[in-house]
């Protein structure tokens, strides 16, 4: 199954505006907005999820290829990990 990624809940707060999810990095005082596909993935990240589950969600929701979904998931994870908004869950391989 691979690594599990989870939101750094103590570091961020967020709201769903109905159109996008807006995330506030409490430590960096920066706002981030997630697009439509990011909004589909955010609840998974809040609960803790794998890259593979995120890819499957996009493939199912948008009927796109696994390669396209993997590219989108990797871009999202890279950005969120770089900003310390998500982390690899403890005990994750």
PDB file of N, CA and C in Angstrom:
ATOM      1  N   UNK A   1       0.821  -1.205   0.000  1.00  0.00           N
ATOM      2  CA  UNK A   1       0.000   0.000   0.000  1.00  0.00           C
ATOM      3  C   UNK A   1       0.854   1.253   0.000  1.00  0.00           C
ATOM      4  N   UNK A   2       2.046   1.230   0.575  1.00  0.00           N
ATOM      5  CA  UNK A   2       2.916   2.393   0.550  1.00  0.00           C
ATOM      6  C   UNK A   2       2.682   3.328   1.712  1.00  0.00           C
ATOM      7  N   UNK A   3       3.262   4.498   1.585  1.00  0.00           N
ATOM      8  CA  UNK A   3       3.177   5.495   2.647  1.00  0.00           C
ATOM      9  C   UNK A   3       1.766   6.045   2.794  1.00  0.00           C
ATOM     10  N   UNK A   4       1.457   6.431   4.023  1.00  0.00           N
ATOM     11  CA  UNK A   4       0.202   7.106   4.306  1.00  0.00           C
ATOM     12  C   UNK A   4       0.513   8.573   4.570  1.00  0.00           C
ATOM     13  N   UNK A   5      -0.229   9.440   3.918  1.00  0.00           N
ATOM     14  CA  UNK A   5      -0.061  10.890   4.074  1.00  0.00           C
ATOM     15  C   UNK A   5      -1.233  11.433   4.866  1.00  0.00           C
ATOM     16  N   UNK A   6      -0.958  12.408   5.721  1.00  0.00           N
ATOM     17  CA  UNK A   6      -1.996  12.982   6.565  1.00  0.00           C
ATOM     18  C   UNK A   6      -1.728  14.479   6.748  1.00  0.00           C
ATOM     19  N   UNK A   7      -2.799  15.239   6.902  1.00  0.00           N
ATOM     20  CA  UNK A   7      -2.695  16.681   7.132  1.00  0.00           C
ATOM     21  C   UNK A   7      -2.062  16.942   8.493  1.00  0.00           C
ATOM     22  N   UNK A   8      -1.183  17.920   8.551  1.00  0.00           N
ATOM     23  CA  UNK A   8      -0.586  18.394   9.810  1.00  0.00           C
ATOM     24  C   UNK A   8      -1.620  19.277  10.505  1.00  0.00           C
ATOM     25  N   UNK A   9      -2.569  18.652  11.173  1.00  0.00           N
ATOM     26  CA  UNK A   9      -3.734  19.355  11.717  1.00  0.00           C
ATOM     27  C   UNK A   9      -3.359  20.452  12.712  1.00  0.00           C
ATOM     28  N   UNK A  10      -2.262  20.312  13.425  1.00  0.00           N
ATOM     29  CA  UNK A  10      -1.871  21.338  14.392  1.00  0.00           C
ATOM     30  C   UNK A  10      -1.256  22.557  13.709  1.00  0.00           C
ATOM     31  N   UNK A  11      -0.910  22.417  12.445  1.00  0.00           N
ATOM     32  CA  UNK A  11      -0.230  23.494  11.732  1.00  0.00           C
ATOM     33  C   UNK A  11      -1.175  24.307  10.844  1.00  0.00           C
ATOM     34  N   UNK A  12      -2.307  23.718  10.468  1.00  0.00           N
ATOM     35  CA  UNK A  12      -3.187  24.384   9.508  1.00  0.00           C
ATOM     36  C   UNK A  12      -4.634  24.393   9.982  1.00  0.00           C
ATOM     37  N   UNK A  13      -5.369  25.310   9.414  1.00  0.00           N
ATOM     38  CA  UNK A  13      -6.824  25.307   9.522  1.00  0.00           C
ATOM     39  C   UNK A  13      -7.342  25.488   8.101  1.00  0.00           C
ATOM     40  N   UNK A  14      -8.565  25.063   7.840  1.00  0.00           N
ATOM     41  CA  UNK A  14      -9.094  25.142   6.490  1.00  0.00           C
ATOM     42  C   UNK A  14     -10.594  25.316   6.522  1.00  0.00           C
ATOM     43  N   UNK A  15     -11.088  25.773   5.396  1.00  0.00           N
ATOM     44  CA  UNK A  15     -12.520  25.912   5.218  1.00  0.00           C
ATOM     45  C   UNK A  15     -12.879  25.544   3.792  1.00  0.00           C
ATOM     46  N   UNK A  16     -14.062  25.012   3.614  1.00  0.00           N
ATOM     47  CA  UNK A  16     -14.570  24.675   2.294  1.00  0.00           C
ATOM     48  C   UNK A  16     -15.567  25.757   1.910  1.00  0.00           C
ATOM     49  N   UNK A  17     -15.217  26.533   0.895  1.00  0.00           N
ATOM     50  CA  UNK A  17     -16.081  27.629   0.466  1.00  0.00           C
ATOM     51  C   UNK A  17     -17.204  27.156  -0.444  1.00  0.00           C
ATOM     52  N   UNK A  18     -17.210  25.865  -0.766  1.00  0.00           N
ATOM     53  CA  UNK A  18     -18.183  25.333  -1.705  1.00  0.00           C
ATOM     54  C   UNK A  18     -17.632  25.261  -3.109  1.00  0.00           C
ATOM     55  N   UNK A  19     -16.632  26.077  -3.396  1.00  0.00           N
ATOM     56  CA  UNK A  19     -15.989  26.094  -4.708  1.00  0.00           C
ATOM     57  C   UNK A  19     -14.545  25.597  -4.605  1.00  0.00           C
ATOM     58  N   UNK A  20     -13.914  25.925  -3.497  1.00  0.00           N
ATOM     59  CA  UNK A  20     -12.532  25.518  -3.271  1.00  0.00           C
ATOM     60  C   UNK A  20     -12.301  25.343  -1.772  1.00  0.00           C
ATOM     61  N   UNK A  21     -11.223  24.672  -1.452  1.00  0.00           N
ATOM     62  CA  UNK A  21     -10.809  24.573  -0.054  1.00  0.00           C
ATOM     63  C   UNK A  21      -9.679  25.557   0.144  1.00  0.00           C
ATOM     64  N   UNK A  22      -9.839  26.411   1.141  1.00  0.00           N
ATOM     65  CA  UNK A  22      -8.826  27.405   1.468  1.00  0.00           C
ATOM     66  C   UNK A  22      -8.137  26.951   2.747  1.00  0.00           C
ATOM     67  N   UNK A  23      -6.812  26.861   2.682  1.00  0.00           N
ATOM     68  CA  UNK A  23      -5.996  26.374   3.788  1.00  0.00           C
ATOM     69  C   UNK A  23      -5.161  27.533   4.308  1.00  0.00           C
ATOM     70  N   UNK A  24      -5.128  27.706   5.625  1.00  0.00           N
ATOM     71  CA  UNK A  24      -4.268  28.706   6.253  1.00  0.00           C
ATOM     72  C   UNK A  24      -3.161  27.978   6.991  1.00  0.00           C
ATOM     73  N   UNK A  25      -1.932  28.251   6.597  1.00  0.00           N
ATOM     74  CA  UNK A  25      -0.759  27.751   7.303  1.00  0.00           C
ATOM     75  C   UNK A  25      -0.553  28.657   8.509  1.00  0.00           C
ATOM     76  N   UNK A  26      -0.847  28.148   9.695  1.00  0.00           N
ATOM     77  CA  UNK A  26      -0.808  28.957  10.911  1.00  0.00           C
ATOM     78  C   UNK A  26       0.607  29.390  11.274  1.00  0.00           C
ATOM     79  N   UNK A  27       1.594  28.598  10.911  1.00  0.00           N
ATOM     80  CA  UNK A  27       2.980  28.946  11.224  1.00  0.00           C
ATOM     81  C   UNK A  27       3.554  29.940  10.228  1.00  0.00           C
ATOM     82  N   UNK A  28       3.222  29.769   8.971  1.00  0.00           N
ATOM     83  CA  UNK A  28       3.762  30.649   7.936  1.00  0.00           C
ATOM     84  C   UNK A  28       2.857  31.800   7.577  1.00  0.00           C
ATOM     85  N   UNK A  29       1.653  31.818   8.144  1.00  0.00           N
ATOM     86  CA  UNK A  29       0.659  32.863   7.854  1.00  0.00           C
ATOM     87  C   UNK A  29       0.427  33.025   6.351  1.00  0.00           C
ATOM     88  N   UNK A  30       0.313  31.894   5.659  1.00  0.00           N
ATOM     89  CA  UNK A  30       0.047  31.925   4.227  1.00  0.00           C
ATOM     90  C   UNK A  30      -1.237  31.150   3.942  1.00  0.00           C
ATOM     91  N   UNK A  31      -1.977  31.640   2.949  1.00  0.00           N
ATOM     92  CA  UNK A  31      -3.186  30.966   2.485  1.00  0.00           C
ATOM     93  C   UNK A  31      -2.880  30.175   1.226  1.00  0.00           C
ATOM     94  N   UNK A  32      -3.548  29.056   1.080  1.00  0.00           N
ATOM     95  CA  UNK A  32      -3.457  28.240  -0.120  1.00  0.00           C
ATOM     96  C   UNK A  32      -4.869  27.829  -0.500  1.00  0.00           C
ATOM     97  N   UNK A  33      -5.124  27.749  -1.784  1.00  0.00           N
ATOM     98  CA  UNK A  33      -6.431  27.305  -2.265  1.00  0.00           C
ATOM     99  C   UNK A  33      -6.243  26.060  -3.116  1.00  0.00           C
ATOM    100  N   UNK A  34      -7.110  25.089  -2.916  1.00  0.00           N
ATOM    101  CA  UNK A  34      -7.073  23.865  -3.706  1.00  0.00           C
ATOM    102  C   UNK A  34      -8.117  23.936  -4.806  1.00  0.00           C
ATOM    103  N   UNK A  35      -7.746  23.452  -5.975  1.00  0.00           N
ATOM    104  CA  UNK A  35      -8.688  23.428  -7.092  1.00  0.00           C
ATOM    105  C   UNK A  35      -9.683  22.285  -6.906  1.00  0.00           C
ATOM    106  N   UNK A  36     -10.504  22.056  -7.906  1.00  0.00           N
ATOM    107  CA  UNK A  36     -11.573  21.062  -7.800  1.00  0.00           C
ATOM    108  C   UNK A  36     -11.048  19.664  -7.465  1.00  0.00           C
ATOM    109  N   UNK A  37     -10.004  19.237  -8.158  1.00  0.00           N
ATOM    110  CA  UNK A  37      -9.484  17.896  -7.875  1.00  0.00           C
ATOM    111  C   UNK A  37      -8.812  17.855  -6.504  1.00  0.00           C
ATOM    112  N   UNK A  38      -8.162  18.947  -6.108  1.00  0.00           N
ATOM    113  CA  UNK A  38      -7.588  19.017  -4.765  1.00  0.00           C
ATOM    114  C   UNK A  38      -8.660  18.928  -3.698  1.00  0.00           C
ATOM    115  N   UNK A  39      -9.817  19.503  -3.982  1.00  0.00           N
ATOM    116  CA  UNK A  39     -10.945  19.424  -3.042  1.00  0.00           C
ATOM    117  C   UNK A  39     -11.442  17.992  -2.883  1.00  0.00           C
ATOM    118  N   UNK A  40     -11.352  17.201  -3.943  1.00  0.00           N
ATOM    119  CA  UNK A  40     -11.739  15.792  -3.859  1.00  0.00           C
ATOM    120  C   UNK A  40     -10.772  15.009  -2.967  1.00  0.00           C
ATOM    121  N   UNK A  41      -9.505  15.400  -2.982  1.00  0.00           N
ATOM    122  CA  UNK A  41      -8.475  14.658  -2.267  1.00  0.00           C
ATOM    123  C   UNK A  41      -8.284  15.108  -0.824  1.00  0.00           C
ATOM    124  N   UNK A  42      -8.619  16.343  -0.523  1.00  0.00           N
ATOM    125  CA  UNK A  42      -8.376  16.890   0.818  1.00  0.00           C
ATOM    126  C   UNK A  42      -9.014  16.053   1.934  1.00  0.00           C
ATOM    127  N   UNK A  43     -10.280  15.655   1.820  1.00  0.00           N
ATOM    128  CA  UNK A  43     -10.859  14.833   2.901  1.00  0.00           C
ATOM    129  C   UNK A  43     -10.097  13.527   3.122  1.00  0.00           C
ATOM    130  N   UNK A  44      -9.562  12.949   2.052  1.00  0.00           N
ATOM    131  CA  UNK A  44      -8.755  11.743   2.198  1.00  0.00           C
ATOM    132  C   UNK A  44      -7.497  12.037   3.009  1.00  0.00           C
ATOM    133  N   UNK A  45      -6.881  13.179   2.730  1.00  0.00           N
ATOM    134  CA  UNK A  45      -5.667  13.556   3.449  1.00  0.00           C
ATOM    135  C   UNK A  45      -5.954  13.867   4.915  1.00  0.00           C
ATOM    136  N   UNK A  46      -7.103  14.435   5.195  1.00  0.00           N
ATOM    137  CA  UNK A  46      -7.470  14.723   6.585  1.00  0.00           C
ATOM    138  C   UNK A  46      -7.545  13.419   7.382  1.00  0.00           C
ATOM    139  N   UNK A  47      -8.098  12.382   6.767  1.00  0.00           N
ATOM    140  CA  UNK A  47      -8.241  11.088   7.438  1.00  0.00           C
ATOM    141  C   UNK A  47      -6.976  10.242   7.373  1.00  0.00           C
ATOM    142  N   UNK A  48      -6.078  10.570   6.455  1.00  0.00           N
ATOM    143  CA  UNK A  48      -4.881   9.773   6.216  1.00  0.00           C
ATOM    144  C   UNK A  48      -5.135   8.834   5.058  1.00  0.00           C
ATOM    145  N   UNK A  49      -4.291   8.917   4.035  1.00  0.00           N
ATOM    146  CA  UNK A  49      -4.520   8.145   2.820  1.00  0.00           C
ATOM    147  C   UNK A  49      -3.214   7.853   2.113  1.00  0.00           C
ATOM    148  N   UNK A  50      -3.258   6.902   1.214  1.00  0.00           N
ATOM    149  CA  UNK A  50      -2.087   6.568   0.419  1.00  0.00           C
ATOM    150  C   UNK A  50      -2.138   7.273  -0.933  1.00  0.00           C
ATOM    151  N   UNK A  51      -0.995   7.365  -1.566  1.00  0.00           N
ATOM    152  CA  UNK A  51      -0.911   7.912  -2.914  1.00  0.00           C
ATOM    153  C   UNK A  51      -1.804   7.098  -3.849  1.00  0.00           C
ATOM    154  N   UNK A  52      -1.758   5.774  -3.719  1.00  0.00           N
ATOM    155  CA  UNK A  52      -2.557   4.911  -4.591  1.00  0.00           C
ATOM    156  C   UNK A  52      -4.054   5.169  -4.434  1.00  0.00           C
ATOM    157  N   UNK A  53      -4.506   5.384  -3.202  1.00  0.00           N
ATOM    158  CA  UNK A  53      -5.932   5.676  -2.991  1.00  0.00           C
ATOM    159  C   UNK A  53      -6.323   7.023  -3.587  1.00  0.00           C
ATOM    160  N   UNK A  54      -5.406   7.976  -3.514  1.00  0.00           N
ATOM    161  CA  UNK A  54      -5.684   9.292  -4.100  1.00  0.00           C
ATOM    162  C   UNK A  54      -5.777   9.190  -5.625  1.00  0.00           C
ATOM    163  N   UNK A  55      -4.880   8.419  -6.219  1.00  0.00           N
ATOM    164  CA  UNK A  55      -4.915   8.223  -7.670  1.00  0.00           C
ATOM    165  C   UNK A  55      -6.223   7.547  -8.067  1.00  0.00           C
ATOM    166  N   UNK A  56      -6.606   6.502  -7.343  1.00  0.00           N
ATOM    167  CA  UNK A  56      -7.852   5.789  -7.645  1.00  0.00           C
ATOM    168  C   UNK A  56      -9.057   6.718  -7.544  1.00  0.00           C
ATOM    169  N   UNK A  57      -9.057   7.613  -6.573  1.00  0.00           N
ATOM    170  CA  UNK A  57     -10.164   8.569  -6.411  1.00  0.00           C
ATOM    171  C   UNK A  57     -10.294   9.462  -7.643  1.00  0.00           C
ATOM    172  N   UNK A  58      -9.159   9.984  -8.139  1.00  0.00           N
ATOM    173  CA  UNK A  58      -9.213  10.857  -9.314  1.00  0.00           C
ATOM    174  C   UNK A  58      -9.616  10.088 -10.565  1.00  0.00           C
ATOM    175  N   UNK A  59      -9.096   8.879 -10.732  1.00  0.00           N
ATOM    176  CA  UNK A  59      -9.464   8.057 -11.889  1.00  0.00           C
ATOM    177  C   UNK A  59     -10.969   7.803 -11.880  1.00  0.00           C
ATOM    178  N   UNK A  60     -11.495   7.446 -10.728  1.00  0.00           N
ATOM    179  CA  UNK A  60     -12.926   7.155 -10.607  1.00  0.00           C
ATOM    180  C   UNK A  60     -13.782   8.409 -10.803  1.00  0.00           C
ATOM    181  N   UNK A  61     -13.386   9.501 -10.180  1.00  0.00           N
ATOM    182  CA  UNK A  61     -14.183  10.727 -10.206  1.00  0.00           C
ATOM    183  C   UNK A  61     -14.165  11.416 -11.569  1.00  0.00           C
ATOM    184  N   UNK A  62     -12.993  11.455 -12.206  1.00  0.00           N
ATOM    185  CA  UNK A  62     -12.841  12.244 -13.431  1.00  0.00           C
ATOM    186  C   UNK A  62     -12.650  11.399 -14.694  1.00  0.00           C
ATOM    187  N   UNK A  63     -12.618  10.069 -14.526  1.00  0.00           N
ATOM    188  CA  UNK A  63     -12.458   9.166 -15.679  1.00  0.00           C
ATOM    189  C   UNK A  63     -11.212   9.514 -16.489  1.00  0.00           C
ATOM    190  N   UNK A  64     -10.109   9.763 -15.796  1.00  0.00           N
ATOM    191  CA  UNK A  64      -8.832  10.063 -16.436  1.00  0.00           C
ATOM    192  C   UNK A  64      -7.910   8.851 -16.291  1.00  0.00           C
ATOM    193  N   UNK A  65      -6.817   8.860 -17.028  1.00  0.00           N
ATOM    194  CA  UNK A  65      -5.884   7.741 -16.959  1.00  0.00           C
ATOM    195  C   UNK A  65      -5.130   7.766 -15.627  1.00  0.00           C
ATOM    196  N   UNK A  66      -4.608   6.613 -15.253  1.00  0.00           N
ATOM    197  CA  UNK A  66      -3.806   6.541 -14.027  1.00  0.00           C
ATOM    198  C   UNK A  66      -2.575   7.424 -14.120  1.00  0.00           C
ATOM    199  N   UNK A  67      -1.971   7.526 -15.311  1.00  0.00           N
ATOM    200  CA  UNK A  67      -0.783   8.366 -15.478  1.00  0.00           C
ATOM    201  C   UNK A  67      -1.093   9.838 -15.210  1.00  0.00           C
ATOM    202  N   UNK A  68      -2.201  10.310 -15.743  1.00  0.00           N
ATOM    203  CA  UNK A  68      -2.599  11.705 -15.524  1.00  0.00           C
ATOM    204  C   UNK A  68      -2.927  11.921 -14.047  1.00  0.00           C
ATOM    205  N   UNK A  69      -3.655  10.993 -13.464  1.00  0.00           N
ATOM    206  CA  UNK A  69      -4.006  11.108 -12.045  1.00  0.00           C
ATOM    207  C   UNK A  69      -2.757  11.078 -11.174  1.00  0.00           C
ATOM    208  N   UNK A  70      -1.813  10.209 -11.485  1.00  0.00           N
ATOM    209  CA  UNK A  70      -0.571  10.113 -10.711  1.00  0.00           C
ATOM    210  C   UNK A  70       0.205  11.417 -10.786  1.00  0.00           C
ATOM    211  N   UNK A  71       0.257  12.023 -11.960  1.00  0.00           N
ATOM    212  CA  UNK A  71       0.943  13.305 -12.120  1.00  0.00           C
ATOM    213  C   UNK A  71       0.297  14.372 -11.239  1.00  0.00           C
ATOM    214  N   UNK A  72      -1.032  14.433 -11.252  1.00  0.00           N
ATOM    215  CA  UNK A  72      -1.760  15.419 -10.452  1.00  0.00           C
ATOM    216  C   UNK A  72      -1.565  15.177  -8.952  1.00  0.00           C
ATOM    217  N   UNK A  73      -1.642  13.928  -8.535  1.00  0.00           N
ATOM    218  CA  UNK A  73      -1.458  13.589  -7.114  1.00  0.00           C
ATOM    219  C   UNK A  73      -0.038  13.928  -6.673  1.00  0.00           C
ATOM    220  N   UNK A  74       0.938  13.580  -7.495  1.00  0.00           N
ATOM    221  CA  UNK A  74       2.329  13.868  -7.133  1.00  0.00           C
ATOM    222  C   UNK A  74       2.577  15.363  -7.020  1.00  0.00           C
ATOM    223  N   UNK A  75       2.004  16.139  -7.923  1.00  0.00           N
ATOM    224  CA  UNK A  75       2.159  17.595  -7.859  1.00  0.00           C
ATOM    225  C   UNK A  75       1.538  18.145  -6.574  1.00  0.00           C
ATOM    226  N   UNK A  76       0.349  17.657  -6.225  1.00  0.00           N
ATOM    227  CA  UNK A  76      -0.308  18.108  -4.997  1.00  0.00           C
ATOM    228  C   UNK A  76       0.509  17.717  -3.769  1.00  0.00           C
ATOM    229  N   UNK A  77       0.903  16.443  -3.693  1.00  0.00           N
ATOM    230  CA  UNK A  77       1.672  15.987  -2.536  1.00  0.00           C
ATOM    231  C   UNK A  77       2.993  16.723  -2.415  1.00  0.00           C
ATOM    232  N   UNK A  78       3.684  16.918  -3.534  1.00  0.00           N
ATOM    233  CA  UNK A  78       4.962  17.635  -3.488  1.00  0.00           C
ATOM    234  C   UNK A  78       4.790  19.030  -2.897  1.00  0.00           C
ATOM    235  N   UNK A  79       3.760  19.746  -3.355  1.00  0.00           N
ATOM    236  CA  UNK A  79       3.521  21.100  -2.859  1.00  0.00           C
ATOM    237  C   UNK A  79       3.142  21.123  -1.389  1.00  0.00           C
ATOM    238  N   UNK A  80       2.287  20.195  -0.984  1.00  0.00           N
ATOM    239  CA  UNK A  80       1.844  20.165   0.416  1.00  0.00           C
ATOM    240  C   UNK A  80       2.952  19.688   1.352  1.00  0.00           C
ATOM    241  N   UNK A  81       3.747  18.725   0.911  1.00  0.00           N
ATOM    242  CA  UNK A  81       4.874  18.261   1.725  1.00  0.00           C
ATOM    243  C   UNK A  81       5.932  19.349   1.863  1.00  0.00           C
ATOM    244  N   UNK A  82       6.203  20.046   0.780  1.00  0.00           N
ATOM    245  CA  UNK A  82       7.199  21.121   0.789  1.00  0.00           C
ATOM    246  C   UNK A  82       6.824  22.216   1.779  1.00  0.00           C
ATOM    247  N   UNK A  83       5.532  22.466   1.909  1.00  0.00           N
ATOM    248  CA  UNK A  83       5.046  23.520   2.810  1.00  0.00           C
ATOM    249  C   UNK A  83       4.701  22.990   4.206  1.00  0.00           C
ATOM    250  N   UNK A  84       4.980  21.695   4.434  1.00  0.00           N
ATOM    251  CA  UNK A  84       4.695  21.036   5.716  1.00  0.00           C
ATOM    252  C   UNK A  84       3.204  21.065   6.088  1.00  0.00           C
ATOM    253  N   UNK A  85       2.351  21.049   5.070  1.00  0.00           N
ATOM    254  CA  UNK A  85       0.906  21.010   5.297  1.00  0.00           C
ATOM    255  C   UNK A  85       0.453  19.566   5.497  1.00  0.00           C
ATOM    256  N   UNK A  86       1.137  18.627   4.845  1.00  0.00           N
ATOM    257  CA  UNK A  86       0.911  17.212   5.091  1.00  0.00           C
ATOM    258  C   UNK A  86       2.244  16.576   5.470  1.00  0.00           C
ATOM    259  N   UNK A  87       2.144  15.407   6.067  1.00  0.00           N
ATOM    260  CA  UNK A  87       3.336  14.660   6.441  1.00  0.00           C
ATOM    261  C   UNK A  87       3.087  13.182   6.181  1.00  0.00           C
ATOM    262  N   UNK A  88       4.175  12.423   6.205  1.00  0.00           N
ATOM    263  CA  UNK A  88       4.065  10.975   6.149  1.00  0.00           C
ATOM    264  C   UNK A  88       3.674  10.522   7.551  1.00  0.00           C
ATOM    265  N   UNK A  89       2.606   9.746   7.644  1.00  0.00           N
ATOM    266  CA  UNK A  89       2.086   9.322   8.943  1.00  0.00           C
ATOM    267  C   UNK A  89       3.088   8.413   9.649  1.00  0.00           C
ATOM    268  N   UNK A  90       3.142   8.538  10.953  1.00  0.00           N
ATOM    269  CA  UNK A  90       3.993   7.664  11.764  1.00  0.00           C
ATOM    270  C   UNK A  90       3.608   6.213  11.529  1.00  0.00           C
ATOM    271  N   UNK A  91       4.605   5.355  11.437  1.00  0.00           N
ATOM    272  CA  UNK A  91       4.352   3.937  11.235  1.00  0.00           C
ATOM    273  C   UNK A  91       4.080   3.581   9.786  1.00  0.00           C
ATOM    274  N   UNK A  92       4.111   4.570   8.896  1.00  0.00           N
ATOM    275  CA  UNK A  92       3.867   4.334   7.483  1.00  0.00           C
ATOM    276  C   UNK A  92       5.168   3.852   6.842  1.00  0.00           C
ATOM    277  N   UNK A  93       5.063   2.909   5.929  1.00  0.00           N
ATOM    278  CA  UNK A  93       6.278   2.396   5.280  1.00  0.00           C
ATOM    279  C   UNK A  93       6.654   3.199   4.063  1.00  0.00           C
TER     280      UNK A  93
END
